[in-house]
């Protein structure tokens, strides 16, 4: 194997930082979350139902927040990580906007003055910036070794009440996720989901029922031996 081939293998096995968004509505009655189905030809989790989300891009580090994350959220995000929590909040906001057309953030007078980078122009044009106060850090998981792509994913919980547009209008969504719809937690098990998504949904149910343990669950698969602990 040549050096170029070796570099390709190393790149494919690299763990990328990622942000995933769980948008929750009707929490007091019949809780529902927004999910969509990945394409059957997708390199990662083909045909699976997932939450909106994706990798943190370099430009996400350049986007200011309208308000910083809450202290408990920022502290948990910083544990065992050298990534700026603000970049994760920004990535979560961008991915939700791109994949669903739903807007979360806060109006900010800096937005109209910004020269928005590619990938952020549509969002910044709304006059909003990401709002760290709306995001709750719910879960963290690293893709196990041996997968075609690996991510260090932080799962954020956002209440649909924080959305700045109609939660039922998904017409501006890109085509990365199909069958976007709100799924009731009491029926969600009928979808074809990754194992980790089922675990995250169980954690969400525990939070809603007041049964959740302290700390943010972390499935740490950086090495061959998996480790589960709480941040």
Protein backbone atom coordinates (compact mmCIF):
# COMPACT_ATOMS: atom_id res chain seq x y z
CA UNK A 1 0.00 0.00 0.00
CA UNK A 2 1.39 3.42 -0.99
CA UNK A 3 1.56 6.48 1.21
CA UNK A 4 -1.44 8.06 -0.52
CA UNK A 5 -3.57 4.97 0.16
CA UNK A 6 -2.49 4.98 3.80
CA UNK A 7 -3.53 8.63 4.12
CA UNK A 8 -6.98 7.81 2.77
CA UNK A 9 -7.44 5.07 5.34
CA UNK A 10 -6.34 7.38 8.14
CA UNK A 11 -8.72 10.11 6.97
CA UNK A 12 -11.67 7.72 6.83
CA UNK A 13 -11.02 6.46 10.34
CA UNK A 14 -10.66 9.94 11.87
CA UNK A 15 -13.24 10.91 14.47
CA UNK A 16 -15.02 14.13 13.50
CA UNK A 17 -16.77 16.38 15.99
CA UNK A 18 -20.51 16.56 15.34
CA UNK A 19 -23.68 18.12 16.71
CA UNK A 20 -27.14 16.56 16.68
CA UNK A 21 -30.42 18.28 17.53
CA UNK A 22 -33.43 16.74 19.26
CA UNK A 23 -36.35 19.13 18.87
CA UNK A 24 -39.09 18.30 21.38
CA UNK A 25 -42.69 19.48 21.32
CA UNK A 26 -45.81 18.78 23.38
CA UNK A 27 -43.70 17.61 26.32
CA UNK A 28 -46.56 18.01 28.80
CA UNK A 29 -49.11 16.04 26.78
CA UNK A 30 -47.87 13.59 24.16
CA UNK A 31 -44.15 14.30 23.54
CA UNK A 32 -42.97 14.30 19.94
CA UNK A 33 -39.53 14.64 18.35
CA UNK A 34 -38.48 15.57 14.83
CA UNK A 35 -36.81 12.79 12.83
CA UNK A 36 -35.96 12.02 9.23
CA UNK A 37 -34.63 9.11 7.19
CA UNK A 38 -31.15 9.04 5.70
CA UNK A 39 -30.84 8.01 2.05
CA UNK A 40 -30.34 4.36 1.18
CA UNK A 41 -27.02 5.22 -0.50
CA UNK A 42 -25.66 7.30 2.39
CA UNK A 43 -22.17 6.29 3.53
CA UNK A 44 -23.18 6.63 7.19
CA UNK A 45 -26.31 4.99 8.63
CA UNK A 46 -28.09 4.39 5.30
CA UNK A 47 -31.91 4.24 5.46
CA UNK A 48 -31.93 4.83 9.22
CA UNK A 49 -34.21 7.32 10.96
CA UNK A 50 -32.15 9.89 12.84
CA UNK A 51 -32.28 13.36 14.35
CA UNK A 52 -31.04 16.34 12.32
CA UNK A 53 -27.31 16.87 12.70
CA UNK A 54 -23.87 16.65 11.18
CA UNK A 55 -20.19 17.43 11.47
CA UNK A 56 -18.80 20.64 12.91
CA UNK A 57 -17.39 22.76 10.06
CA UNK A 58 -14.45 25.14 10.31
CA UNK A 59 -16.75 28.14 9.72
CA UNK A 60 -18.83 27.20 12.76
CA UNK A 61 -15.94 28.39 14.92
CA UNK A 62 -16.27 31.90 13.45
CA UNK A 63 -19.97 32.44 14.23
CA UNK A 64 -20.70 34.49 17.38
CA UNK A 65 -23.53 33.47 19.66
CA UNK A 66 -26.35 35.79 20.62
CA UNK A 67 -26.03 34.36 24.14
CA UNK A 68 -23.51 31.89 25.57
CA UNK A 69 -24.45 28.37 26.67
CA UNK A 70 -25.77 28.05 30.19
CA UNK A 71 -22.94 27.45 32.68
CA UNK A 72 -23.88 23.81 33.35
CA UNK A 73 -24.10 23.10 29.62
CA UNK A 74 -20.78 24.80 28.87
CA UNK A 75 -19.04 22.95 31.70
CA UNK A 76 -20.31 19.54 30.53
CA UNK A 77 -19.35 20.28 26.92
CA UNK A 78 -15.83 21.25 28.01
CA UNK A 79 -15.21 18.07 30.01
CA UNK A 80 -12.79 15.74 28.21
CA UNK A 81 -12.90 18.01 25.16
CA UNK A 82 -10.81 20.86 23.79
CA UNK A 83 -13.52 21.99 21.38
CA UNK A 84 -15.12 25.40 21.92
CA UNK A 85 -18.71 24.79 23.15
CA UNK A 86 -19.85 27.77 21.07
CA UNK A 87 -18.79 26.00 17.86
CA UNK A 88 -20.92 22.99 18.80
CA UNK A 89 -23.95 25.22 19.46
CA UNK A 90 -23.37 26.95 16.14
CA UNK A 91 -23.05 23.66 14.27
CA UNK A 92 -26.26 22.34 15.83
CA UNK A 93 -28.08 25.53 14.81
CA UNK A 94 -26.76 25.38 11.24
CA UNK A 95 -27.54 21.70 10.77
CA UNK A 96 -31.10 22.16 12.01
CA UNK A 97 -31.58 25.07 9.61
CA UNK A 98 -30.10 23.20 6.65
CA UNK A 99 -31.78 19.85 7.16
CA UNK A 100 -35.22 21.00 8.31
CA UNK A 101 -35.61 24.70 7.52
CA UNK A 102 -36.42 25.33 11.18
CA UNK A 103 -34.90 28.42 12.76
CA UNK A 104 -33.62 28.53 16.31
CA UNK A 105 -31.64 31.47 17.62
CA UNK A 106 -32.11 35.05 18.74
CA UNK A 107 -32.41 38.32 16.79
CA UNK A 108 -29.07 40.09 16.97
CA UNK A 109 -28.07 43.51 15.58
CA UNK A 110 -24.68 42.09 14.56
CA UNK A 111 -26.22 39.72 12.03
CA UNK A 112 -27.09 42.32 9.34
CA UNK A 113 -23.54 43.70 9.58
CA UNK A 114 -21.82 40.34 9.14
CA UNK A 115 -20.18 39.05 6.00
CA UNK A 116 -21.57 35.57 6.49
CA UNK A 117 -19.40 32.65 5.34
CA UNK A 118 -20.64 30.07 2.90
CA UNK A 119 -23.00 27.69 4.63
CA UNK A 120 -24.30 30.43 6.92
CA UNK A 121 -25.58 33.05 4.49
CA UNK A 122 -29.21 31.96 4.49
CA UNK A 123 -29.34 31.71 8.26
CA UNK A 124 -27.57 35.02 8.94
CA UNK A 125 -29.89 36.73 6.44
CA UNK A 126 -32.77 36.06 8.85
CA UNK A 127 -31.17 38.51 11.32
CA UNK A 128 -30.55 35.82 13.95
CA UNK A 129 -27.50 34.33 15.63
CA UNK A 130 -27.31 30.99 17.48
CA UNK A 131 -28.60 31.18 21.05
CA UNK A 132 -26.71 29.06 23.56
CA UNK A 133 -29.42 29.47 26.18
CA UNK A 134 -31.91 27.38 24.19
CA UNK A 135 -29.75 24.23 23.99
CA UNK A 136 -29.53 21.54 26.65
CA UNK A 137 -26.65 19.06 26.41
CA UNK A 138 -28.36 15.68 26.68
CA UNK A 139 -25.95 13.00 25.44
CA UNK A 140 -22.54 12.34 23.90
CA UNK A 141 -21.48 9.31 21.86
CA UNK A 142 -18.49 8.35 19.74
CA UNK A 143 -18.98 5.97 16.83
CA UNK A 144 -17.28 2.61 17.56
CA UNK A 145 -14.15 1.55 15.65
CA UNK A 146 -14.57 -0.27 12.36
CA UNK A 147 -17.31 1.98 10.94
CA UNK A 148 -16.83 3.74 7.58
CA UNK A 149 -17.19 7.10 9.30
CA UNK A 150 -16.79 8.01 12.95
CA UNK A 151 -18.17 10.99 14.85
CA UNK A 152 -17.90 12.41 18.34
CA UNK A 153 -21.53 13.51 18.47
CA UNK A 154 -23.04 15.82 21.07
CA UNK A 155 -26.83 15.61 21.26
CA UNK A 156 -28.64 18.84 22.12
CA UNK A 157 -32.24 19.06 23.30
CA UNK A 158 -34.23 22.09 22.12
CA UNK A 159 -37.84 22.82 22.98
CA UNK A 160 -39.95 23.56 19.91
CA UNK A 161 -41.21 26.66 21.72
CA UNK A 162 -37.80 28.19 21.02
CA UNK A 163 -38.25 27.91 17.24
CA UNK A 164 -38.63 31.22 15.40
CA UNK A 165 -40.79 29.80 12.60
CA UNK A 166 -43.64 27.33 12.14
CA UNK A 167 -42.60 23.87 13.41
CA UNK A 168 -44.96 22.25 10.92
CA UNK A 169 -43.49 24.05 7.90
CA UNK A 170 -40.64 21.84 6.69
CA UNK A 171 -40.80 23.08 3.10
CA UNK A 172 -37.36 24.77 3.28
CA UNK A 173 -35.57 21.57 4.26
CA UNK A 174 -32.73 20.29 2.12
CA UNK A 175 -33.05 16.75 0.74
CA UNK A 176 -30.47 15.11 3.03
CA UNK A 177 -33.21 13.67 5.23
CA UNK A 178 -36.36 12.16 3.77
CA UNK A 179 -39.69 11.56 5.51
CA UNK A 180 -39.15 14.41 7.96
CA UNK A 181 -41.93 14.30 10.50
CA UNK A 182 -42.81 14.68 14.16
CA UNK A 183 -42.86 11.29 15.87
CA UNK A 184 -44.60 10.59 19.18
CA UNK A 185 -42.30 8.97 21.73
CA UNK A 186 -44.86 6.23 22.35
CA UNK A 187 -44.64 5.14 18.68
CA UNK A 188 -41.04 5.97 17.78
CA UNK A 189 -39.81 2.42 18.43
CA UNK A 190 -41.53 1.36 15.24
CA UNK A 191 -38.92 3.21 13.16
CA UNK A 192 -35.69 1.67 11.89
CA UNK A 193 -33.15 3.55 14.02
CA UNK A 194 -29.49 3.15 14.98
CA UNK A 195 -28.91 1.60 18.39
CA UNK A 196 -27.47 4.84 19.78
CA UNK A 197 -30.61 6.75 18.76
CA UNK A 198 -32.71 4.33 20.78
CA UNK A 199 -30.42 4.87 23.78
CA UNK A 200 -30.68 8.66 23.45
CA UNK A 201 -34.48 8.41 23.26
CA UNK A 202 -34.46 6.35 26.45
CA UNK A 203 -32.42 9.09 28.14
CA UNK A 204 -34.88 11.69 26.90
CA UNK A 205 -37.79 9.68 28.32
CA UNK A 206 -35.98 9.48 31.66
CA UNK A 207 -35.58 13.26 31.70
CA UNK A 208 -39.25 13.78 30.93
CA UNK A 209 -40.24 11.37 33.71
CA UNK A 210 -37.80 12.82 36.23
CA UNK A 211 -35.79 9.57 36.38
CA UNK A 212 -32.55 10.73 34.78
CA UNK A 213 -29.30 10.38 36.71
CA UNK A 214 -27.01 13.35 37.20
CA UNK A 215 -24.53 14.17 34.49
CA UNK A 216 -24.51 13.77 30.71
CA UNK A 217 -24.20 10.15 29.49
CA UNK A 218 -21.11 9.51 27.36
CA UNK A 219 -20.61 6.41 25.19
CA UNK A 220 -16.83 6.66 24.79
CA UNK A 221 -15.67 4.48 21.90
CA UNK A 222 -12.35 6.12 21.16
CA UNK A 223 -10.59 2.84 21.75
CA UNK A 224 -11.26 -0.84 21.18
CA UNK A 225 -12.78 -1.21 24.65
CA UNK A 226 -15.96 0.83 25.04
CA UNK A 227 -16.51 2.89 28.15
CA UNK A 228 -19.72 4.42 29.50
CA UNK A 229 -19.58 7.24 31.99
CA UNK A 230 -21.23 10.58 32.77
CA UNK A 231 -19.78 14.01 32.17
